[in-house]
Protein backbone atom coordinates (compact mmCIF):
# COMPACT_ATOMS: atom_id res chain seq x y z
CA UNK A 1 38.31 -87.33 -48.54
CA UNK A 2 39.98 -83.94 -49.09
CA UNK A 3 40.58 -84.78 -52.76
CA UNK A 4 36.89 -85.57 -53.27
CA UNK A 5 35.92 -82.33 -51.55
CA UNK A 6 38.33 -80.34 -53.76
CA UNK A 7 36.93 -82.01 -56.89
CA UNK A 8 33.37 -81.19 -55.81
CA UNK A 9 34.24 -77.56 -55.06
CA UNK A 10 36.10 -77.15 -58.38
CA UNK A 11 33.18 -78.79 -60.21
CA UNK A 12 30.67 -76.49 -58.50
CA UNK A 13 32.75 -73.39 -59.28
CA UNK A 14 33.09 -74.50 -62.91
CA UNK A 15 29.33 -75.10 -63.15
CA UNK A 16 28.59 -71.64 -61.72
CA UNK A 17 31.05 -69.99 -64.11
CA UNK A 18 29.61 -71.81 -67.11
CA UNK A 19 26.06 -70.97 -66.07
CA UNK A 20 26.88 -67.31 -65.50
CA UNK A 21 28.61 -67.05 -68.88
CA UNK A 22 25.65 -68.59 -70.70
CA UNK A 23 23.13 -66.43 -68.86
CA UNK A 24 25.24 -63.34 -69.53
CA UNK A 25 25.33 -64.10 -73.24
CA UNK A 26 21.58 -64.77 -73.30
CA UNK A 27 20.91 -61.42 -71.59
CA UNK A 28 23.23 -59.67 -74.05
CA UNK A 29 21.31 -61.28 -76.94
CA UNK A 30 18.00 -60.09 -75.47
CA UNK A 31 19.42 -56.60 -75.03
CA UNK A 32 20.82 -56.55 -78.56
CA UNK A 33 17.44 -57.65 -79.95
CA UNK A 34 15.81 -54.82 -77.97
CA UNK A 35 18.22 -52.38 -79.67
CA UNK A 36 17.10 -53.69 -83.06
CA UNK A 37 13.47 -53.28 -82.00
CA UNK A 38 14.12 -49.65 -81.05
CA UNK A 39 15.65 -48.88 -84.45
CA UNK A 40 12.87 -50.69 -86.28
CA UNK A 41 10.28 -48.73 -84.29
CA UNK A 42 12.00 -45.47 -85.21
CA UNK A 43 11.86 -46.48 -88.87
CA UNK A 44 8.26 -47.65 -88.62
CA UNK A 45 7.28 -44.34 -86.98
CA UNK A 46 8.99 -42.33 -89.73
CA UNK A 47 7.30 -44.11 -92.64
CA UNK A 48 3.79 -42.60 -92.25
CA UNK A 49 5.32 -39.09 -92.35
CA UNK A 50 7.26 -40.00 -95.45
CA UNK A 51 4.18 -41.45 -97.14
CA UNK A 52 2.11 -38.40 -96.19
CA UNK A 53 4.72 -36.05 -97.66
CA UNK A 54 4.93 -37.94 -100.95
CA UNK A 55 1.16 -38.41 -101.06
CA UNK A 56 0.68 -34.64 -101.04
CA UNK A 57 2.45 -34.46 -104.40
CA UNK A 58 1.35 -37.71 -106.00
CA UNK A 59 -2.24 -38.17 -104.90
CA UNK A 60 -3.14 -40.51 -107.77
CA UNK A 61 -0.56 -43.11 -106.64
CA UNK A 62 -2.82 -44.45 -103.88
CA UNK A 63 -1.93 -48.10 -104.54
CA UNK A 64 1.77 -47.49 -103.89
CA UNK A 65 1.06 -45.69 -100.62
CA UNK A 66 -1.21 -48.46 -99.41
CA UNK A 67 1.47 -51.06 -100.20
CA UNK A 68 4.01 -49.16 -98.07
CA UNK A 69 1.58 -48.80 -95.17
CA UNK A 70 0.62 -52.49 -95.35
CA UNK A 71 4.28 -53.51 -95.38
CA UNK A 72 4.94 -51.18 -92.44
CA UNK A 73 2.03 -52.63 -90.45
CA UNK A 74 3.25 -56.18 -91.15
CA UNK A 75 6.74 -55.20 -89.98
CA UNK A 76 5.36 -53.66 -86.78
CA UNK A 77 3.41 -56.86 -86.04
CA UNK A 78 6.33 -59.22 -86.76
CA UNK A 79 7.98 -60.98 -83.83
CA UNK A 80 11.32 -62.76 -83.70
CA UNK A 81 14.24 -62.59 -86.10
CA UNK A 82 12.84 -64.85 -88.85
CA UNK A 83 9.42 -63.19 -89.05
CA UNK A 84 10.95 -59.72 -88.66
CA UNK A 85 13.43 -60.50 -91.44
CA UNK A 86 10.66 -61.36 -93.92
CA UNK A 87 8.60 -58.32 -92.96
CA UNK A 88 11.56 -55.96 -93.25
CA UNK A 89 12.42 -57.32 -96.71
CA UNK A 90 8.90 -56.52 -97.87
CA UNK A 91 9.06 -53.08 -96.26
CA UNK A 92 12.41 -52.29 -97.89
CA UNK A 93 11.01 -53.24 -101.30
CA UNK A 94 7.94 -51.04 -100.86
CA UNK A 95 10.09 -48.13 -99.65
CA UNK A 96 12.23 -48.52 -102.74
CA UNK A 97 9.08 -48.20 -104.85
CA UNK A 98 8.06 -45.11 -102.88
CA UNK A 99 11.41 -43.43 -103.52
CA UNK A 100 11.26 -44.41 -107.18
CA UNK A 101 7.84 -42.80 -107.34
CA UNK A 102 9.23 -39.67 -105.70
CA UNK A 103 11.76 -39.34 -108.54
CA UNK A 104 8.91 -38.65 -110.95
CA UNK A 105 7.91 -35.51 -109.05
CA UNK A 106 10.54 -32.74 -109.31
CA UNK A 107 8.55 -30.45 -106.99
CA UNK A 108 8.76 -33.10 -104.28
CA UNK A 109 12.53 -33.28 -104.56
CA UNK A 110 12.66 -29.60 -103.62
CA UNK A 111 10.58 -30.04 -100.44
CA UNK A 112 12.73 -29.66 -97.36
CA UNK A 113 10.51 -31.97 -95.27
CA UNK A 114 10.93 -34.81 -97.78
CA UNK A 115 14.70 -34.37 -97.81
CA UNK A 116 14.81 -34.28 -93.99
CA UNK A 117 12.72 -37.45 -93.76
CA UNK A 118 14.92 -39.15 -96.31
CA UNK A 119 18.03 -38.19 -94.32
CA UNK A 120 16.42 -39.39 -91.09
CA UNK A 121 15.65 -42.71 -92.74
CA UNK A 122 19.27 -43.04 -93.83
CA UNK A 123 20.49 -42.38 -90.29
CA UNK A 124 18.04 -44.92 -88.89
CA UNK A 125 19.19 -47.50 -91.44
CA UNK A 126 22.81 -46.94 -90.37
CA UNK A 127 21.89 -47.36 -86.69
CA UNK A 128 19.85 -50.45 -87.54
CA UNK A 129 22.77 -51.96 -89.41
CA UNK A 130 25.02 -51.42 -86.36
CA UNK A 131 22.41 -52.93 -84.03
CA UNK A 132 22.00 -55.92 -86.36
CA UNK A 133 25.75 -56.51 -86.46
CA UNK A 134 26.00 -56.36 -82.67
CA UNK A 135 23.04 -58.70 -82.20
CA UNK A 136 24.47 -61.22 -84.66
CA UNK A 137 27.87 -61.08 -82.91
CA UNK A 138 26.28 -61.77 -79.53
CA UNK A 139 24.15 -64.57 -81.00
CA UNK A 140 27.28 -66.06 -82.58
CA UNK A 141 29.03 -66.07 -79.20
CA UNK A 142 26.00 -67.52 -77.43
CA UNK A 143 25.43 -70.22 -80.05
CA UNK A 144 29.13 -71.13 -80.01
CA UNK A 145 29.11 -71.45 -76.22
CA UNK A 146 25.99 -73.60 -76.37
CA UNK A 147 27.69 -76.00 -78.78
CA UNK A 148 31.05 -76.24 -76.97
CA UNK A 149 31.87 -78.79 -74.31
CA UNK A 150 31.33 -78.57 -71.32
CA UNK A 151 29.04 -75.52 -71.57
CA UNK A 152 26.74 -77.51 -73.87
CA UNK A 153 25.90 -79.73 -70.89
CA UNK A 154 25.01 -76.71 -68.76
CA UNK A 155 22.99 -75.15 -71.60
CA UNK A 156 21.00 -78.35 -72.01
CA UNK A 157 20.46 -78.69 -68.28
CA UNK A 158 19.33 -75.04 -67.92
CA UNK A 159 17.30 -75.00 -71.18
CA UNK A 160 19.33 -72.18 -72.71
CA UNK A 161 18.61 -72.32 -76.43
CA UNK A 162 20.46 -71.11 -79.49
CA UNK A 163 19.13 -67.91 -81.09
CA UNK A 164 18.41 -67.09 -84.72
CA UNK A 165 20.58 -64.62 -86.57
CA UNK A 166 18.91 -61.52 -87.97
CA UNK A 167 19.93 -61.33 -91.60
CA UNK A 168 18.52 -60.06 -94.80
CA UNK A 169 18.22 -62.71 -97.49
CA UNK A 170 19.41 -60.54 -100.34
CA UNK A 171 22.43 -58.27 -99.69
CA UNK A 172 20.92 -55.57 -101.92
CA UNK A 173 18.02 -55.29 -99.45
CA UNK A 174 20.35 -54.20 -96.68
CA UNK A 175 21.30 -51.09 -98.62
CA UNK A 176 19.79 -47.82 -97.50
CA UNK A 177 17.16 -46.73 -100.02
CA UNK A 178 18.78 -43.88 -101.92
CA UNK A 179 17.37 -41.66 -104.59
CA UNK A 180 19.69 -39.78 -106.87
CA UNK A 181 18.09 -36.72 -108.39
CA UNK A 182 19.39 -35.45 -111.67
CA UNK A 183 19.82 -31.80 -112.57
């Protein structure tokens, strides 16, 4: 009788520990995704200022500006890692075109506001890269715990699901858009 009671108590303690570990990892993943959202919002908020600054010097490039704004709006509306990943790839490509366009205007390169915005974007990209790495590490830990025995039983019972990683498809797209101005 005592042995059965001990087994039940140990089993209950193990179940609670497994559940708490899985819930803790799930909360960490949610928090890490929120950090990515914050960095993406900072970037999305910066883009209209950047476009406005460039637009003042290159007014006839309307099509390029509209492409950046459309990509930004799609990125703002995206939800979840997979959809956000696709939207951010498109946004990065359009930002690259915007910076390439800026190279053609020497007077723009001398504008302090443009340089400050470009530096801010670089800082945001660095923070976003850190947030993405942290999120992916937490998701890795959560997904590993969900697949391992006996926590896989608890995850199934409690409907704790694996999360998607947040990755960019092409490694070149993860690079901060940089413009090198010649003399």
